[in-house]
Amino acid sequence: MPHTYRQRMKRFTNPEQKTDTMSEIPSPDLRCDTIRIGIVSISDRASTGVYEDKGLPALRDWLGQALYNPITFDERLIPDEQATISQTLIALVDSGCHLVLTTGGTGPAKRDVTPEATLAVAHKEMPGFGEQMRQISLRFVPTAILSRQVAVIRDSCLIINLPGQPKSIQETLGGLKDAQGKQLVDGVFAAVPYCVDLIGGPYMETRDAFCKAFRPKTAINSKRV
């Protein structure tokens, strides 16, 4: 069921690290457009309760930190079934989502069918997103070349496949920074707000200290000034 996310429920951490620190998501700026975002975690085992899903909390957390906009999340936890994935994506677009992020099912294993399900519902492909995600992940592991994430547009919605691990979600969305916080490599989310502009979606405003979006000067139309 969709809900408006105003407060962090759980601290996002590298799953390999243990921490007891908790913090709250910054409050949204109500002057900004409300955006409806679909988040989909795709996993046979998590969807049947074999283990706890970590993809949806990671996505909620990251987006809540990145955006000033009030967000209404439409969440789904589903198995690695191509028809189910495609049907879920269509339903989220039809419900009014202008951005849908999926996590999981993008590798070469037989049950990894998220890219095929996503391409099946596409009206346009956006190959640059997948290319950039693999470039980011290759800085950490050579097996990043096995990742098959895609991004597409359906109607007025941008759909992006993300990796399955919370740490990789953070890296591919936000990019890489040095110890001083200087941006070394842009994450894919830097291009998301302008893409959503171009397909007729709401105006998305990012917290630049966390993730700075890029727009041409002629496209800047902040409601926060």
Protein backbone atom coordinates (compact mmCIF):
# COMPACT_ATOMS: atom_id res chain seq x y z
CA MET A 1 0.00 0.00 0.00
CA PRO A 2 1.28 3.51 -0.77
CA HIS A 3 2.26 5.77 2.09
CA THR A 4 3.93 9.14 2.52
CA TYR A 5 7.39 8.73 3.96
CA ARG A 6 8.34 11.57 6.26
CA GLN A 7 10.64 9.94 8.74
CA ARG A 8 13.44 7.44 8.59
CA MET A 9 12.36 4.11 9.98
CA LYS A 10 15.76 2.47 10.01
CA ARG A 11 19.32 3.67 9.60
CA PHE A 12 20.85 2.66 6.25
CA THR A 13 24.22 1.05 6.72
CA ASN A 14 26.64 -1.11 4.85
CA PRO A 15 25.26 -4.57 5.69
CA GLU A 16 28.79 -5.75 6.43
CA GLN A 17 29.12 -3.21 9.22
CA LYS A 18 27.33 -3.15 12.55
CA THR A 19 26.05 0.08 14.01
CA ASP A 20 23.53 1.18 16.58
CA THR A 21 23.32 4.78 15.36
CA MET A 22 19.92 6.07 14.37
CA SER A 23 18.97 9.30 12.69
CA GLU A 24 15.86 10.78 11.16
CA ILE A 25 15.18 11.61 7.56
CA PRO A 26 15.07 15.39 7.10
CA SER A 27 11.56 16.76 6.89
CA PRO A 28 10.32 17.36 3.35
CA ASP A 29 9.77 20.87 2.08
CA LEU A 30 6.03 21.19 1.51
CA ARG A 31 6.58 23.90 -1.09
CA CYS A 32 7.92 21.19 -3.40
CA ASP A 33 5.79 18.97 -5.59
CA THR A 34 4.71 15.69 -4.05
CA ILE A 35 6.08 12.78 -6.05
CA ARG A 36 4.76 9.24 -6.20
CA ILE A 37 7.61 6.71 -6.43
CA GLY A 38 7.25 2.99 -6.94
CA ILE A 39 9.88 0.82 -5.25
CA VAL A 40 10.02 -2.87 -6.05
CA SER A 41 12.18 -5.52 -4.41
CA ILE A 42 12.45 -8.66 -6.52
CA SER A 43 13.53 -11.82 -4.73
CA ASP A 44 12.14 -15.35 -4.54
CA ARG A 45 13.42 -15.90 -1.01
CA ALA A 46 12.59 -12.50 0.50
CA SER A 47 9.10 -12.55 -1.01
CA THR A 48 8.38 -15.90 0.67
CA GLY A 49 9.84 -14.89 4.04
CA VAL A 50 13.01 -17.00 3.89
CA TYR A 51 14.98 -13.90 4.83
CA GLU A 52 14.27 -10.25 5.55
CA ASP A 53 14.04 -7.93 2.59
CA LYS A 54 16.61 -5.13 2.77
CA GLY A 55 15.99 -3.56 -0.60
CA LEU A 56 12.82 -1.60 0.19
CA PRO A 57 14.18 -0.04 3.42
CA ALA A 58 17.40 0.92 1.61
CA LEU A 59 15.47 2.63 -1.19
CA ARG A 60 13.13 4.47 1.19
CA ASP A 61 16.05 5.66 3.25
CA TRP A 62 18.18 6.87 0.36
CA LEU A 63 15.36 8.69 -1.41
CA GLY A 64 14.20 10.31 1.83
CA GLN A 65 17.66 11.74 2.33
CA ALA A 66 18.12 12.79 -1.29
CA LEU A 67 14.89 14.66 -1.97
CA TYR A 68 13.23 17.75 -0.53
CA ASN A 69 9.97 16.61 -2.11
CA PRO A 70 7.25 14.94 -0.06
CA ILE A 71 7.25 11.34 -1.30
CA THR A 72 4.40 8.88 -1.56
CA PHE A 73 5.89 5.41 -1.85
CA ASP A 74 4.12 2.52 -3.56
CA GLU A 75 6.01 -0.58 -2.40
CA ARG A 76 6.04 -4.12 -3.77
CA LEU A 77 7.95 -7.25 -2.72
CA ILE A 78 7.62 -9.89 -5.44
CA PRO A 79 9.29 -13.10 -6.68
CA ASP A 80 11.56 -13.47 -9.70
CA GLU A 81 8.73 -14.15 -12.13
CA GLN A 82 8.98 -12.25 -15.40
CA ALA A 83 5.23 -11.88 -15.95
CA THR A 84 4.68 -10.74 -12.36
CA ILE A 85 7.45 -8.16 -12.63
CA SER A 86 6.09 -6.74 -15.88
CA GLN A 87 2.54 -6.61 -14.50
CA THR A 88 3.79 -4.87 -11.36
CA LEU A 89 5.64 -2.21 -13.36
CA ILE A 90 2.61 -1.53 -15.54
CA ALA A 91 0.37 -1.23 -12.46
CA LEU A 92 2.74 1.24 -10.79
CA VAL A 93 2.91 3.42 -13.88
CA ASP A 94 -0.87 3.31 -14.27
CA SER A 95 -1.27 4.31 -10.59
CA GLY A 96 0.57 7.59 -11.22
CA CYS A 97 4.20 6.87 -10.38
CA HIS A 98 6.65 9.07 -12.27
CA LEU A 99 9.66 7.12 -11.01
CA VAL A 100 9.95 3.38 -10.33
CA LEU A 101 13.10 1.83 -8.88
CA THR A 102 13.58 -1.92 -8.77
CA THR A 103 16.22 -3.86 -6.87
CA GLY A 104 17.31 -7.42 -7.53
CA GLY A 105 17.19 -9.95 -10.34
CA THR A 106 19.71 -8.31 -12.68
CA GLY A 107 22.46 -10.93 -12.79
CA PRO A 108 23.05 -13.81 -15.23
CA ALA A 109 21.39 -16.57 -13.16
CA LYS A 110 18.41 -18.41 -14.66
CA ARG A 111 15.94 -16.77 -12.27
CA ASP A 112 17.32 -13.24 -12.90
CA VAL A 113 14.74 -11.81 -15.30
CA THR A 114 14.22 -8.23 -14.13
CA PRO A 115 15.81 -6.62 -17.23
CA GLU A 116 13.73 -8.75 -19.59
CA ALA A 117 10.55 -7.90 -17.68
CA THR A 118 11.43 -4.21 -17.72
CA LEU A 119 12.26 -4.08 -21.43
CA ALA A 120 8.99 -5.85 -22.19
CA VAL A 121 6.98 -2.86 -20.91
CA ALA A 122 9.24 -0.12 -22.31
CA HIS A 123 8.25 2.61 -24.69
CA LYS A 124 11.82 3.94 -24.80
CA GLU A 125 15.16 2.56 -23.59
CA MET A 126 17.62 4.74 -21.65
CA PRO A 127 20.91 2.80 -21.91
CA GLY A 128 23.09 5.43 -20.24
CA PHE A 129 21.79 4.56 -16.78
CA GLY A 130 22.92 0.94 -16.95
CA GLU A 131 26.26 1.92 -18.48
CA GLN A 132 26.98 4.35 -15.66
CA MET A 133 25.96 1.91 -12.93
CA ARG A 134 28.37 -0.70 -14.26
CA GLN A 135 31.17 1.86 -14.44
CA ILE A 136 30.62 2.73 -10.78
CA SER A 137 30.46 -0.88 -9.61
CA LEU A 138 33.56 -1.86 -11.60
CA ARG A 139 35.58 0.32 -9.26
CA PHE A 140 34.81 -2.21 -6.53
CA VAL A 141 34.46 -5.64 -8.16
CA PRO A 142 35.37 -7.01 -11.62
CA THR A 143 32.16 -9.06 -11.63
CA ALA A 144 30.19 -5.82 -12.14
CA ILE A 145 30.35 -6.62 -15.85
CA LEU A 146 27.85 -9.39 -15.11
CA SER A 147 25.22 -6.83 -14.06
CA ARG A 148 22.44 -6.28 -16.56
CA GLN A 149 20.53 -3.31 -15.15
CA VAL A 150 18.45 -1.35 -17.63
CA ALA A 151 16.38 1.82 -17.52
CA VAL A 152 13.32 2.60 -19.62
CA ILE A 153 10.50 5.06 -20.03
CA ARG A 154 6.89 3.96 -20.03
CA ASP A 155 4.34 6.73 -20.58
CA SER A 156 5.45 9.52 -18.17
CA CYS A 157 7.45 7.25 -15.86
CA LEU A 158 11.16 6.49 -15.63
CA ILE A 159 11.89 2.90 -14.54
CA ILE A 160 15.40 2.01 -13.35
CA ASN A 161 16.76 -1.40 -12.36
CA LEU A 162 19.21 -1.23 -9.45
CA PRO A 163 21.51 -3.87 -7.94
CA GLY A 164 20.26 -6.12 -5.17
CA GLN A 165 22.61 -5.18 -2.33
CA PRO A 166 21.91 -2.06 -0.19
CA LYS A 167 25.55 -0.92 -0.43
CA SER A 168 25.44 -1.17 -4.23
CA ILE A 169 22.12 0.69 -4.31
CA GLN A 170 23.72 3.57 -2.44
CA GLU A 171 26.80 3.60 -4.68
CA THR A 172 24.98 3.47 -8.00
CA LEU A 173 22.40 6.09 -7.04
CA GLY A 174 24.75 8.51 -5.30
CA GLY A 175 28.10 7.88 -6.95
CA LEU A 176 31.50 8.04 -5.29
CA LYS A 177 33.04 10.70 -3.07
CA ASP A 178 36.52 11.05 -1.61
CA ALA A 179 37.32 11.35 2.11
CA GLN A 180 36.68 15.10 1.95
CA GLY A 181 33.27 14.66 0.38
CA LYS A 182 34.30 15.75 -3.11
CA GLN A 183 32.33 14.01 -5.85
CA LEU A 184 34.59 11.68 -7.84
CA VAL A 185 31.98 9.90 -9.97
CA ASP A 186 28.36 10.94 -10.40
CA GLY A 187 25.69 8.42 -9.54
CA VAL A 188 22.77 7.87 -11.85
CA PHE A 189 20.34 9.83 -9.69
CA ALA A 190 22.05 13.08 -10.72
CA ALA A 191 20.27 12.74 -14.06
CA VAL A 192 16.90 11.51 -12.76
CA PRO A 193 15.17 14.83 -11.91
CA TYR A 194 15.83 16.36 -15.33
CA CYS A 195 14.74 13.17 -17.07
CA VAL A 196 11.49 13.24 -15.10
CA ASP A 197 11.06 16.90 -16.15
CA LEU A 198 11.42 15.96 -19.80
CA ILE A 199 8.77 13.24 -19.65
CA GLY A 200 6.22 15.46 -17.93
CA GLY A 201 6.66 14.51 -14.28
CA PRO A 202 6.81 16.64 -11.12
CA TYR A 203 9.77 18.90 -10.38
CA MET A 204 12.18 16.95 -8.17
CA GLU A 205 14.52 18.88 -5.87
CA THR A 206 17.59 17.25 -4.34
CA ARG A 207 19.54 18.03 -1.20
CA ASP A 208 22.80 18.99 -2.88
CA ALA A 209 25.03 18.01 0.05
CA PHE A 210 23.72 14.47 -0.26
CA CYS A 211 23.11 14.12 -4.00
CA LYS A 212 23.28 17.02 -6.43
CA ALA A 213 21.07 16.79 -9.49
CA PHE A 214 22.06 18.42 -12.77
CA ARG A 215 19.77 20.55 -14.91
CA PRO A 216 20.54 23.09 -17.62
CA LYS A 217 20.18 26.62 -16.25
CA THR A 218 17.13 27.19 -18.43
CA ALA A 219 15.39 24.21 -16.76
CA ILE A 220 15.90 25.32 -13.15
CA ASN A 221 12.55 26.25 -11.60
CA SER A 222 12.86 25.66 -7.87
CA LYS A 223 9.82 26.20 -5.68
CA ARG A 224 12.09 26.64 -2.65
CA VAL A 225 13.12 30.22 -3.49
